[in-house]
C-alpha atoms as a PDB file:
ATOM      1  CA  MET A   1       0.000   0.000   0.000  1.00  0.00           C
ATOM      2  CA  ASP A   2       2.941   2.398   0.513  1.00  0.00           C
ATOM      3  CA  LEU A   3       3.699   2.120  -3.193  1.00  0.00           C
ATOM      4  CA  LEU A   4       0.232   3.315  -4.225  1.00  0.00           C
ATOM      5  CA  PRO A   5       0.760   7.091  -3.554  1.00  0.00           C
ATOM      6  CA  GLN A   6       4.208   6.961  -5.159  1.00  0.00           C
ATOM      7  CA  VAL A   7       2.733   5.558  -8.354  1.00  0.00           C
ATOM      8  CA  LEU A   8      -0.698   7.196  -8.341  1.00  0.00           C
ATOM      9  CA  ILE A   9       0.377  10.836  -7.916  1.00  0.00           C
ATOM     10  CA  PRO A  10       2.823  10.859 -10.880  1.00  0.00           C
ATOM     11  CA  LEU A  11       0.211   9.064 -13.008  1.00  0.00           C
ATOM     12  CA  LEU A  12      -2.408  11.691 -12.132  1.00  0.00           C
ATOM     13  CA  ILE A  13      -0.005  14.517 -12.990  1.00  0.00           C
ATOM     14  CA  LEU A  14       0.946  12.852 -16.269  1.00  0.00           C
ATOM     15  CA  GLY A  15      -2.738  12.280 -17.039  1.00  0.00           C
ATOM     16  CA  GLY A  16      -3.425  15.986 -16.472  1.00  0.00           C
ATOM     17  CA  PHE A  17      -0.715  16.980 -18.944  1.00  0.00           C
ATOM     18  CA  VAL A  18      -1.992  14.485 -21.508  1.00  0.00           C
ATOM     19  CA  TYR A  19      -5.531  15.867 -21.104  1.00  0.00           C
ATOM     20  CA  LEU A  20      -4.382  19.491 -21.619  1.00  0.00           C
ATOM     21  CA  PHE A  21      -2.262  18.569 -24.628  1.00  0.00           C
ATOM     22  CA  THR A  22      -5.105  16.558 -26.180  1.00  0.00           C
ATOM     23  CA  ARG A  23      -7.639  19.350 -25.586  1.00  0.00           C
ATOM     24  CA  ARG A  24      -5.312  21.903 -27.168  1.00  0.00           C
ATOM     25  CA  ASN A  25      -4.729  19.709 -30.215  1.00  0.00           C
ATOM     26  CA  ARG A  26      -8.471  19.107 -30.655  1.00  0.00           C
ATOM     27  CA  GLU A  27      -9.137  22.857 -30.410  1.00  0.00           C
ATOM     28  CA  ARG A  28      -6.418  23.622 -32.957  1.00  0.00           C
ATOM     29  CA  ASP A  29      -7.640  20.879 -35.323  1.00  0.00           C
ATOM     30  CA  ARG A  30     -11.231  22.162 -35.213  1.00  0.00           C
ATOM     31  CA  ASN A  31     -10.054  25.742 -35.704  1.00  0.00           C
ATOM     32  CA  ALA A  32      -7.610  24.889 -38.515  1.00  0.00           C
ATOM     33  CA  PRO A  33      -9.837  25.850 -41.490  1.00  0.00           C
ATOM     34  CA  LEU A  34     -10.979  29.106 -39.855  1.00  0.00           C
ATOM     35  CA  ARG A  35      -7.456  29.874 -38.616  1.00  0.00           C
ATOM     36  CA  GLY A  36      -6.216  29.427 -42.192  1.00  0.00           C
ATOM     37  CA  GLU A  37      -8.824  31.893 -43.501  1.00  0.00           C
ATOM     38  CA  ILE A  38      -7.925  34.451 -40.842  1.00  0.00           C
ATOM     39  CA  GLU A  39      -4.185  34.168 -41.384  1.00  0.00           C
ATOM     40  CA  ALA A  40      -4.596  34.395 -45.180  1.00  0.00           C
ATOM     41  CA  ARG A  41      -6.347  37.777 -44.895  1.00  0.00           C
ATOM     42  CA  VAL A  42      -5.022  39.455 -41.759  1.00  0.00           C
ATOM     43  CA  CYS A  43      -6.418  42.978 -41.395  1.00  0.00           C
ATOM     44  CA  PHE A  44      -5.397  43.707 -37.795  1.00  0.00           C
ATOM     45  CA  LYS A  45      -3.119  42.172 -35.130  1.00  0.00           C
ATOM     46  CA  THR A  46      -2.482  43.249 -31.572  1.00  0.00           C
ATOM     47  CA  ALA A  47      -1.393  41.984 -28.187  1.00  0.00           C
ATOM     48  CA  LEU A  48      -4.076  41.951 -25.514  1.00  0.00           C
ATOM     49  CA  ALA A  49      -3.528  43.032 -21.922  1.00  0.00           C
ATOM     50  CA  ARG A  50      -6.107  40.680 -20.438  1.00  0.00           C
ATOM     51  CA  VAL A  51      -8.536  38.026 -21.639  1.00  0.00           C
ATOM     52  CA  SER A  52     -11.117  36.462 -19.348  1.00  0.00           C
ATOM     53  CA  ILE A  53     -13.561  33.677 -20.156  1.00  0.00           C
ATOM     54  CA  LEU A  54     -16.936  33.319 -18.480  1.00  0.00           C
ATOM     55  CA  GLY A  55     -17.014  29.993 -16.641  1.00  0.00           C
ATOM     56  CA  THR A  56     -19.814  27.611 -17.551  1.00  0.00           C
ATOM     57  CA  GLY A  57     -19.548  25.235 -14.616  1.00  0.00           C
ATOM     58  CA  GLY A  58     -17.386  22.234 -13.881  1.00  0.00           C
ATOM     59  CA  PHE A  59     -14.507  22.020 -11.446  1.00  0.00           C
ATOM     60  CA  GLY A  60     -14.742  24.380  -8.510  1.00  0.00           C
ATOM     61  CA  GLY A  61     -18.184  25.716  -9.437  1.00  0.00           C
ATOM     62  CA  THR A  62     -17.012  28.210 -12.074  1.00  0.00           C
ATOM     63  CA  ARG A  63     -20.472  28.976 -13.468  1.00  0.00           C
ATOM     64  CA  GLY A  64     -20.810  32.742 -13.889  1.00  0.00           C
ATOM     65  CA  VAL A  65     -17.235  33.491 -12.747  1.00  0.00           C
ATOM     66  CA  TRP A  66     -14.773  35.336 -15.015  1.00  0.00           C
ATOM     67  CA  ILE A  67     -11.589  33.264 -15.295  1.00  0.00           C
ATOM     68  CA  SER A  68      -8.420  35.001 -16.450  1.00  0.00           C
ATOM     69  CA  VAL A  69      -6.505  33.365 -19.318  1.00  0.00           C
ATOM     70  CA  ARG A  70      -2.794  33.167 -18.426  1.00  0.00           C
ATOM     71  CA  GLY A  71       0.234  34.137 -20.480  1.00  0.00           C
ATOM     72  CA  PRO A  72       0.598  36.478 -23.452  1.00  0.00           C
ATOM     73  CA  LYS A  73      -2.532  36.856 -25.529  1.00  0.00           C
ATOM     74  CA  ARG A  74      -2.951  37.944 -29.144  1.00  0.00           C
ATOM     75  CA  LEU A  75      -5.870  39.047 -31.313  1.00  0.00           C
ATOM     76  CA  VAL A  76      -5.699  38.393 -35.048  1.00  0.00           C
ATOM     77  CA  VAL A  77      -8.527  39.764 -37.192  1.00  0.00           C
ATOM     78  CA  GLY A  78      -9.241  38.646 -40.747  1.00  0.00           C
ATOM     79  CA  THR A  79     -11.835  39.972 -43.169  1.00  0.00           C
ATOM     80  CA  ASP A  80     -14.810  38.104 -41.703  1.00  0.00           C
ATOM     81  CA  ALA A  81     -13.418  36.204 -38.711  1.00  0.00           C
ATOM     82  CA  PHE A  82     -11.084  36.717 -35.761  1.00  0.00           C
ATOM     83  CA  MET A  83      -9.021  34.647 -33.365  1.00  0.00           C
ATOM     84  CA  ILE A  84      -7.811  35.146 -29.808  1.00  0.00           C
ATOM     85  CA  SER A  85      -4.909  32.914 -28.866  1.00  0.00           C
ATOM     86  CA  ALA A  86      -2.983  32.322 -25.660  1.00  0.00           C
ATOM     87  CA  PRO A  87      -0.320  29.725 -26.517  1.00  0.00           C
ATOM     88  CA  GLN A  88       1.058  29.370 -22.979  1.00  0.00           C
ATOM     89  CA  ALA A  89      -2.415  28.694 -21.624  1.00  0.00           C
ATOM     90  CA  LEU A  90      -2.978  26.202 -24.465  1.00  0.00           C
ATOM     91  CA  ARG A  91      -6.128  28.093 -25.554  1.00  0.00           C
ATOM     92  CA  GLU A  92      -7.347  29.369 -28.899  1.00  0.00           C
ATOM     93  CA  PHE A  93     -10.743  30.891 -29.669  1.00  0.00           C
ATOM     94  CA  ALA A  94     -11.733  31.434 -33.307  1.00  0.00           C
ATOM     95  CA  PHE A  95     -14.972  33.254 -34.162  1.00  0.00           C
ATOM     96  CA  ARG A  96     -16.775  34.047 -37.401  1.00  0.00           C
ATOM     97  CA  GLY A  97     -17.760  37.706 -37.316  1.00  0.00           C
ATOM     98  CA  PRO A  98     -21.416  37.330 -38.393  1.00  0.00           C
ATOM     99  CA  GLU A  99     -21.938  34.534 -35.826  1.00  0.00           C
ATOM    100  CA  SER A 100     -20.686  36.581 -32.867  1.00  0.00           C
ATOM    101  CA  SER A 101     -21.548  39.762 -31.005  1.00  0.00           C
ATOM    102  CA  ILE A 102     -19.482  42.469 -29.346  1.00  0.00           C
ATOM    103  CA  ALA A 103     -20.290  45.046 -26.687  1.00  0.00           C
ATOM    104  CA  PHE A 104     -18.423  47.437 -24.420  1.00  0.00           C
ATOM    105  CA  GLY A 105     -18.676  46.440 -20.789  1.00  0.00           C
ATOM    106  CA  GLN A 106     -17.067  45.714 -17.470  1.00  0.00           C
ATOM    107  CA  ALA A 107     -16.310  42.078 -16.673  1.00  0.00           C
ATOM    108  CA  ALA A 108     -13.451  40.759 -14.606  1.00  0.00           C
ATOM    109  CA  LYS A 109     -12.342  44.130 -13.227  1.00  0.00           C
ATOM    110  CA  PRO A 110     -13.869  47.594 -13.410  1.00  0.00           C
ATOM    111  CA  ASP A 111     -11.745  48.509 -16.465  1.00  0.00           C
ATOM    112  CA  ASP A 112     -13.338  49.058 -19.819  1.00  0.00           C
ATOM    113  CA  CYS A 113     -13.347  45.944 -21.956  1.00  0.00           C
ATOM    114  CA  ILE A 114     -14.915  44.479 -25.045  1.00  0.00           C
ATOM    115  CA  MET A 115     -17.270  41.589 -24.415  1.00  0.00           C
ATOM    116  CA  ILE A 116     -17.385  38.931 -27.137  1.00  0.00           C
ATOM    117  CA  ALA A 117     -20.064  36.250 -27.354  1.00  0.00           C
ATOM    118  CA  GLY A 118     -20.270  33.577 -30.006  1.00  0.00           C
ATOM    119  CA  GLN A 119     -19.580  30.033 -31.096  1.00  0.00           C
ATOM    120  CA  ALA A 120     -15.968  28.940 -30.699  1.00  0.00           C
ATOM    121  CA  ASP A 121     -14.863  25.335 -30.891  1.00  0.00           C
ATOM    122  CA  GLY A 122     -18.472  24.212 -31.273  1.00  0.00           C
ATOM    123  CA  ARG A 123     -19.748  25.738 -28.024  1.00  0.00           C
ATOM    124  CA  GLN A 124     -21.044  29.066 -26.811  1.00  0.00           C
ATOM    125  CA  VAL A 125     -18.213  31.185 -25.364  1.00  0.00           C
ATOM    126  CA  GLN A 126     -18.151  34.604 -23.705  1.00  0.00           C
ATOM    127  CA  LEU A 127     -14.862  36.487 -23.473  1.00  0.00           C
ATOM    128  CA  ALA A 128     -13.862  39.869 -22.091  1.00  0.00           C
ATOM    129  CA  ILE A 129     -10.755  41.434 -23.632  1.00  0.00           C
ATOM    130  CA  THR A 130      -8.725  44.525 -22.819  1.00  0.00           C
ATOM    131  CA  GLY A 131      -5.883  46.156 -24.656  1.00  0.00           C
ATOM    132  CA  ASP A 132      -4.170  49.486 -25.031  1.00  0.00           C
ATOM    133  CA  ASN A 133      -6.181  50.394 -28.111  1.00  0.00           C
ATOM    134  CA  LEU A 134      -9.766  49.335 -27.455  1.00  0.00           C
ATOM    135  CA  GLN A 135     -11.147  51.727 -30.071  1.00  0.00           C
ATOM    136  CA  ASP A 136      -9.019  50.145 -32.831  1.00  0.00           C
ATOM    137  CA  ILE A 137      -9.867  46.653 -31.594  1.00  0.00           C
ATOM    138  CA  TRP A 138     -13.579  47.530 -31.620  1.00  0.00           C
ATOM    139  CA  GLN A 139     -13.429  48.828 -35.187  1.00  0.00           C
ATOM    140  CA  ALA A 140     -11.532  45.756 -36.393  1.00  0.00           C
ATOM    141  CA  LEU A 141     -14.030  43.382 -34.748  1.00  0.00           C
ATOM    142  CA  ALA A 142     -17.021  45.331 -36.071  1.00  0.00           C
ATOM    143  CA  ALA A 143     -15.532  45.156 -39.590  1.00  0.00           C
ATOM    144  CA  THR A 144     -15.781  41.339 -39.474  1.00  0.00           C
ATOM    145  CA  GLY A 145     -19.559  41.634 -39.274  1.00  0.00           C
ATOM    146  CA  ALA A 146     -19.903  40.977 -35.552  1.00  0.00           C
ATOM    147  CA  ALA A 147     -23.287  42.149 -34.266  1.00  0.00           C
ATOM    148  CA  LEU A 148     -23.190  45.127 -31.964  1.00  0.00           C
ATOM    149  CA  ALA A 149     -24.909  44.125 -28.709  1.00  0.00           C
ATOM    150  CA  ALA A 150     -26.382  46.691 -26.378  1.00  0.00           C
END
């Protein structure tokens, strides 16, 4: 029985890494066609100061809680779609402009931010993004055809 914790803990840690790697690869595979379209017609690129995702439930009761995405984040806008990526956090969100909506708001902190809602990776996602140039970001996102929410 003394061997069980010595074997089980490393296996659980390894399993966690395998899960994250697999999830990231599935996300990237599903986003590949849209990512290709965006990268072929880049209209705007910028680094983002903060990206938060609205929790939908699961571990730790995250429903309705804004969860900060770690590491450097980047927004890439194409002609009719856009992508927010955070490589260190193993996350990538790709949206078609006409299938998403944008609004100014306050989410994770009382700073101004742009709220994005839409289908990413086959599920409904809500993000809050901040950057140094919110006005330029807003115009680039609106140019993709994203609906302006109130």
